Amino acid sequence: MTEPDSLAEHIQHHWHELPAAERRVAQFVASQARLAATYSLTELSQIHNVSKATVSRLFRRLGYTNFNTAREAMRQQPNPGSPLARQIIQADDLYQHVQQETSNLAGWLCEASLQHSADIIDLLFNARTLYCIGMRNNYPLALHAHTQWAQLRENTLLVPQPGQSLSEHIAVLQTEDVVVLFGFRRRYQGFQKLLKTLSDSPANIVLITEPGFPVYSNLFAQIQLPIESQGPFASYAAPVSWIAHASNGMMHHFPTATRQRIELIERQYRNLEELEP
């Protein structure tokens, strides 16, 4: 058998001999190596609720002399690219799936703490017009965000609608506008051009992607949320959770205005009998 070379291959090679606690850390490292490399030994142990000794034993078992050599290997991991094309660690059971979801949410918690979430929430609510944009697999996220936020504030738009183009909206962006752009892989071919055009506009841009996406300095915020899963299809638990956090945050920060709008909408629901009682 060929000796393992990359960090992912080391984990694949030793997977079935890893204790459960070490597997939790290994799964996170295998799926999000570059993000894991940003954490210290103590932080990795805290995120996965294991001891520092457990993390150290894992990397020694994988053939690394110490945590620093393992961290360097994490930094060298390539971008995973298409989730349908990369080799993955097979899921043992539902427990492993839930552990991966927990790791994703823990990764978001660490990221969110650096992004001044209160400032982002205030920005979203106070925007003149709030645009939600997402292409391909990002469209359901933009749709969900729009559905939530339109109940809390006026002038919230989902663009483009079927049959529409984006230029009509981008051409009239102003400094009081906010664009939330969902850009998780695999992005459509024109994504980079769209992002540059938006970043050059006078509007405030909030970009939401997976870890490892290049950092753009001229955005209001760039939030990186893990989407790895046990299988070839991405999990959007963390992005959906962030949308819920932003929605609840608007209600908490602006209780009177949001409640008045919700009550107005609820009256129309009853008037048109659109929803079950």
Protein backbone atom coordinates (compact mmCIF):
# COMPACT_ATOMS: atom_id res chain seq x y z
CA MET A 1 0.00 0.00 0.00
CA THR A 2 1.26 3.49 -0.86
CA GLU A 3 2.22 5.53 2.17
CA PRO A 4 -0.10 8.49 2.84
CA ASP A 5 1.24 11.85 1.73
CA SER A 6 -1.23 14.67 2.48
CA LEU A 7 -2.91 15.37 5.80
CA ALA A 8 -6.23 14.12 4.39
CA GLU A 9 -4.58 10.87 3.31
CA HIS A 10 -3.05 10.40 6.77
CA ILE A 11 -6.50 10.77 8.32
CA GLN A 12 -8.05 8.45 5.75
CA HIS A 13 -5.32 5.87 6.41
CA HIS A 14 -5.74 5.91 10.21
CA TRP A 15 -9.48 6.62 10.38
CA HIS A 16 -10.68 3.22 11.58
CA GLU A 17 -8.18 3.10 14.45
CA LEU A 18 -9.07 6.53 15.86
CA PRO A 19 -11.05 6.69 19.12
CA ALA A 20 -14.32 8.61 19.00
CA ALA A 21 -12.89 11.77 20.60
CA GLU A 22 -10.00 11.88 18.14
CA ARG A 23 -12.37 11.26 15.22
CA ARG A 24 -14.31 14.42 16.07
CA VAL A 25 -11.18 16.51 15.73
CA ALA A 26 -9.90 14.57 12.71
CA GLN A 27 -13.16 15.03 10.81
CA PHE A 28 -13.03 18.79 11.36
CA VAL A 29 -9.37 18.95 10.31
CA ALA A 30 -9.95 16.79 7.22
CA SER A 31 -12.87 18.87 6.00
CA GLN A 32 -11.66 22.34 7.06
CA ALA A 33 -7.89 22.11 7.29
CA ARG A 34 -7.16 25.77 6.56
CA LEU A 35 -9.69 26.95 9.11
CA ALA A 36 -8.32 24.45 11.66
CA ALA A 37 -4.82 25.83 11.08
CA THR A 38 -5.96 29.20 12.43
CA TYR A 39 -6.72 27.69 15.84
CA SER A 40 -4.32 26.93 18.67
CA LEU A 41 -4.10 23.52 20.31
CA THR A 42 -6.20 24.81 23.19
CA GLU A 43 -8.88 26.26 20.89
CA LEU A 44 -9.19 23.01 18.91
CA SER A 45 -9.67 21.07 22.13
CA GLN A 46 -12.29 23.53 23.42
CA ILE A 47 -14.27 23.58 20.16
CA HIS A 48 -14.61 19.79 20.15
CA ASN A 49 -14.93 19.37 23.93
CA VAL A 50 -11.84 17.17 24.24
CA SER A 51 -8.61 17.51 26.17
CA LYS A 52 -5.45 19.02 24.77
CA ALA A 53 -3.82 15.63 25.27
CA THR A 54 -6.42 14.07 22.94
CA VAL A 55 -5.58 16.54 20.18
CA SER A 56 -1.85 15.95 20.66
CA ARG A 57 -2.32 12.15 20.55
CA LEU A 58 -4.30 12.46 17.32
CA PHE A 59 -1.53 14.29 15.48
CA ARG A 60 1.15 11.95 16.83
CA ARG A 61 -0.94 9.00 15.65
CA LEU A 62 -1.12 10.64 12.21
CA GLY A 63 2.69 10.80 12.11
CA TYR A 64 3.38 14.41 13.09
CA THR A 65 6.02 15.13 15.71
CA ASN A 66 4.11 18.04 17.28
CA PHE A 67 1.18 20.38 16.75
CA ASN A 68 3.21 22.95 14.81
CA THR A 69 4.22 20.44 12.13
CA ALA A 70 0.59 19.31 11.88
CA ARG A 71 -0.57 22.93 11.57
CA GLU A 72 1.86 23.49 8.69
CA ALA A 73 0.37 20.44 6.96
CA MET A 74 -3.11 21.93 7.46
CA ARG A 75 -2.01 25.15 5.77
CA GLN A 76 -0.75 23.17 2.77
CA GLN A 77 -4.09 21.45 2.17
CA PRO A 78 -5.55 22.41 -1.23
CA ASN A 79 -8.98 23.95 -1.76
CA PRO A 80 -11.43 21.01 -1.80
CA GLY A 81 -13.08 22.22 -5.04
CA SER A 82 -16.07 20.22 -6.20
CA PRO A 83 -17.58 18.25 -3.29
CA LEU A 84 -18.68 15.60 -5.80
CA ALA A 85 -15.13 14.99 -6.99
CA ARG A 86 -13.07 14.88 -3.80
CA GLN A 87 -12.28 11.80 -1.73
CA ILE A 88 -14.13 11.83 1.57
CA ILE A 89 -14.22 9.95 4.84
CA GLN A 90 -17.31 7.81 4.82
CA ALA A 91 -19.90 8.49 7.49
CA ASP A 92 -20.19 5.74 10.08
CA ASP A 93 -23.60 6.74 11.37
CA LEU A 94 -25.85 9.60 12.33
CA TYR A 95 -23.53 10.43 15.23
CA GLN A 96 -20.73 11.38 12.81
CA HIS A 97 -23.13 13.56 10.81
CA VAL A 98 -24.21 15.43 13.94
CA GLN A 99 -20.59 15.87 15.02
CA GLN A 100 -19.79 17.46 11.66
CA GLU A 101 -22.76 19.80 11.98
CA THR A 102 -21.57 20.72 15.48
CA SER A 103 -18.10 21.48 14.13
CA ASN A 104 -19.59 23.69 11.41
CA LEU A 105 -21.59 25.68 13.94
CA ALA A 106 -18.57 25.96 16.22
CA GLY A 107 -16.58 27.32 13.28
CA TRP A 108 -19.29 29.91 12.67
CA LEU A 109 -19.21 30.92 16.35
CA CYS A 110 -15.49 31.63 16.16
CA GLU A 111 -15.96 33.57 12.91
CA ALA A 112 -19.01 35.50 14.10
CA SER A 113 -17.18 36.74 17.18
CA LEU A 114 -14.75 38.57 14.87
CA GLN A 115 -17.37 40.13 12.63
CA HIS A 116 -19.11 42.58 14.98
CA SER A 117 -22.48 40.92 14.49
CA ALA A 118 -24.37 43.75 16.21
CA ASP A 119 -22.99 46.26 13.66
CA ILE A 120 -24.05 43.98 10.80
CA ILE A 121 -27.55 43.57 12.21
CA ASP A 122 -27.94 47.34 12.59
CA LEU A 123 -26.68 47.82 9.03
CA LEU A 124 -29.20 45.33 7.62
CA PHE A 125 -32.15 46.87 9.40
CA ASN A 126 -31.32 50.49 8.63
CA ALA A 127 -30.58 50.03 4.92
CA ARG A 128 -32.55 52.15 2.47
CA THR A 129 -32.94 49.02 0.32
CA LEU A 130 -31.73 45.59 1.40
CA TYR A 131 -30.84 43.30 -1.50
CA CYS A 132 -30.48 39.52 -1.14
CA ILE A 133 -28.50 37.89 -3.96
CA GLY A 134 -27.63 34.23 -4.50
CA MET A 135 -27.02 32.14 -7.63
CA ARG A 136 -27.33 28.37 -8.11
CA ASN A 137 -27.12 26.63 -4.72
CA ASN A 138 -26.97 30.05 -3.05
CA TYR A 139 -30.42 31.03 -4.30
CA PRO A 140 -32.32 29.11 -1.57
CA LEU A 141 -30.24 30.93 1.07
CA ALA A 142 -31.00 34.33 -0.48
CA LEU A 143 -34.67 33.37 -0.74
CA HIS A 144 -34.79 32.30 2.91
CA ALA A 145 -33.05 35.50 4.05
CA HIS A 146 -35.46 37.61 2.01
CA THR A 147 -38.49 35.75 3.39
CA GLN A 148 -37.37 36.39 6.97
CA TRP A 149 -36.16 39.97 6.61
CA ALA A 150 -39.13 41.18 4.53
CA GLN A 151 -41.29 40.51 7.58
CA LEU A 152 -39.13 42.82 9.68
CA ARG A 153 -38.38 45.80 7.41
CA GLU A 154 -39.58 47.40 4.18
CA ASN A 155 -37.73 47.61 0.86
CA THR A 156 -36.19 44.15 1.08
CA LEU A 157 -35.62 42.65 -2.36
CA LEU A 158 -34.62 39.24 -3.71
CA VAL A 159 -32.75 39.72 -7.00
CA PRO A 160 -32.65 38.65 -9.69
CA GLN A 161 -36.14 37.23 -10.06
CA PRO A 162 -36.70 34.60 -12.78
CA GLY A 163 -36.29 36.22 -16.18
CA GLN A 164 -34.59 39.31 -14.72
CA SER A 165 -31.03 40.59 -14.99
CA LEU A 166 -29.03 42.22 -12.19
CA SER A 167 -27.81 45.36 -13.95
CA GLU A 168 -31.01 47.35 -13.38
CA HIS A 169 -30.51 47.02 -9.63
CA ILE A 170 -26.72 47.38 -9.46
CA ALA A 171 -26.77 50.53 -11.59
CA VAL A 172 -28.84 52.44 -9.00
CA LEU A 173 -27.11 51.31 -5.79
CA GLN A 174 -26.55 54.12 -3.30
CA THR A 175 -24.52 54.57 -0.13
CA GLU A 176 -27.56 53.82 2.05
CA ASP A 177 -28.16 50.45 0.34
CA VAL A 178 -26.95 47.07 1.56
CA VAL A 179 -26.31 43.96 -0.53
CA VAL A 180 -26.04 40.56 1.14
CA LEU A 181 -24.31 38.30 -1.37
CA PHE A 182 -24.29 34.54 -0.74
CA GLY A 183 -21.32 32.98 -2.52
CA PHE A 184 -20.75 29.39 -1.42
CA ARG A 185 -19.04 26.97 -3.78
CA ARG A 186 -19.52 26.00 -6.51
CA ARG A 187 -20.00 29.56 -7.67
CA TYR A 188 -21.29 30.41 -11.12
CA GLN A 189 -18.71 31.59 -13.63
CA GLY A 190 -19.53 35.28 -13.39
CA PHE A 191 -19.33 35.46 -9.60
CA GLN A 192 -15.93 37.21 -9.36
CA LYS A 193 -17.00 39.89 -11.83
CA LEU A 194 -20.24 40.41 -9.90
CA LEU A 195 -18.37 40.68 -6.62
CA LYS A 196 -15.91 43.22 -8.02
CA THR A 197 -18.74 45.29 -9.48
CA LEU A 198 -20.59 45.29 -6.17
CA SER A 199 -17.45 46.09 -4.17
CA ASP A 200 -16.80 49.09 -6.48
CA SER A 201 -20.36 50.36 -5.98
CA PRO A 202 -21.30 52.90 -3.26
CA ALA A 203 -23.44 50.30 -1.42
CA ASN A 204 -22.40 48.38 1.70
CA ILE A 205 -21.64 44.75 0.80
CA VAL A 206 -21.89 41.77 3.16
CA LEU A 207 -20.31 38.71 1.56
CA ILE A 208 -21.04 35.25 2.96
CA THR A 209 -18.84 32.37 1.79
CA GLU A 210 -17.11 29.23 3.01
CA PRO A 211 -13.69 29.42 4.74
CA GLY A 212 -10.74 29.80 2.39
CA PHE A 213 -12.38 32.26 0.00
CA PRO A 214 -10.07 35.24 -0.76
CA VAL A 215 -10.49 38.20 1.56
CA TYR A 216 -11.79 41.45 0.05
CA SER A 217 -10.80 44.54 2.03
CA ASN A 218 -13.38 46.97 0.62
CA LEU A 219 -16.48 45.13 1.89
CA PHE A 220 -18.45 46.10 4.98
CA ALA A 221 -18.16 42.50 6.20
CA GLN A 222 -17.03 39.12 4.92
CA ILE A 223 -18.43 36.20 6.88
CA GLN A 224 -17.00 32.72 6.34
CA LEU A 225 -19.30 29.87 7.39
CA PRO A 226 -18.31 26.18 7.18
CA ILE A 227 -20.50 24.00 4.92
CA GLU A 228 -18.63 20.68 5.06
CA SER A 229 -20.53 17.42 5.53
CA GLN A 230 -19.86 13.70 5.86
CA GLY A 231 -20.77 13.14 2.22
CA PRO A 232 -20.35 14.85 -1.16
CA PHE A 233 -23.17 17.37 -0.64
CA ALA A 234 -22.65 20.52 1.39
CA SER A 235 -24.54 21.25 4.59
CA TYR A 236 -26.04 24.73 4.91
CA ALA A 237 -26.86 24.48 8.61
CA ALA A 238 -24.44 27.27 9.53
CA PRO A 239 -25.65 29.76 6.86
CA VAL A 240 -29.30 29.15 7.77
CA SER A 241 -28.41 29.55 11.44
CA TRP A 242 -26.69 32.87 10.65
CA ILE A 243 -29.84 34.09 8.87
CA ALA A 244 -31.90 33.19 11.95
CA HIS A 245 -29.38 35.00 14.17
CA ALA A 246 -29.62 38.13 12.02
CA SER A 247 -33.43 37.98 11.96
CA ASN A 248 -33.75 37.54 15.72
CA GLY A 249 -31.12 40.23 16.19
CA MET A 250 -33.21 42.74 14.24
CA MET A 251 -36.21 41.99 16.45
CA HIS A 252 -34.08 42.37 19.57
CA HIS A 253 -32.41 45.62 18.47
CA PHE A 254 -35.54 47.20 16.98
CA PRO A 255 -38.48 45.67 18.84
CA THR A 256 -41.09 48.38 18.22
CA ALA A 257 -40.57 48.81 14.47
CA THR A 258 -40.29 45.09 13.75
CA ARG A 259 -43.31 44.18 15.85
CA GLN A 260 -45.46 46.82 14.16
CA ARG A 261 -44.57 45.46 10.73
CA ILE A 262 -45.14 41.84 11.78
CA GLU A 263 -48.57 42.74 13.20
CA LEU A 264 -49.48 44.54 9.96
CA ILE A 265 -48.50 41.49 7.90
CA GLU A 266 -50.32 39.14 10.26
CA ARG A 267 -53.53 41.12 9.77
CA GLN A 268 -53.24 40.64 6.03
CA TYR A 269 -52.59 36.92 6.50
CA ARG A 270 -55.87 36.70 8.37
CA ASN A 271 -57.70 38.93 5.89
CA LEU A 272 -56.62 36.85 2.89
CA GLU A 273 -56.70 33.54 4.81
CA GLU A 274 -53.27 32.70 3.41
CA LEU A 275 -51.97 30.74 6.42
CA GLU A 276 -53.37 28.12 8.74
CA PRO A 277 -54.53 29.58 12.08
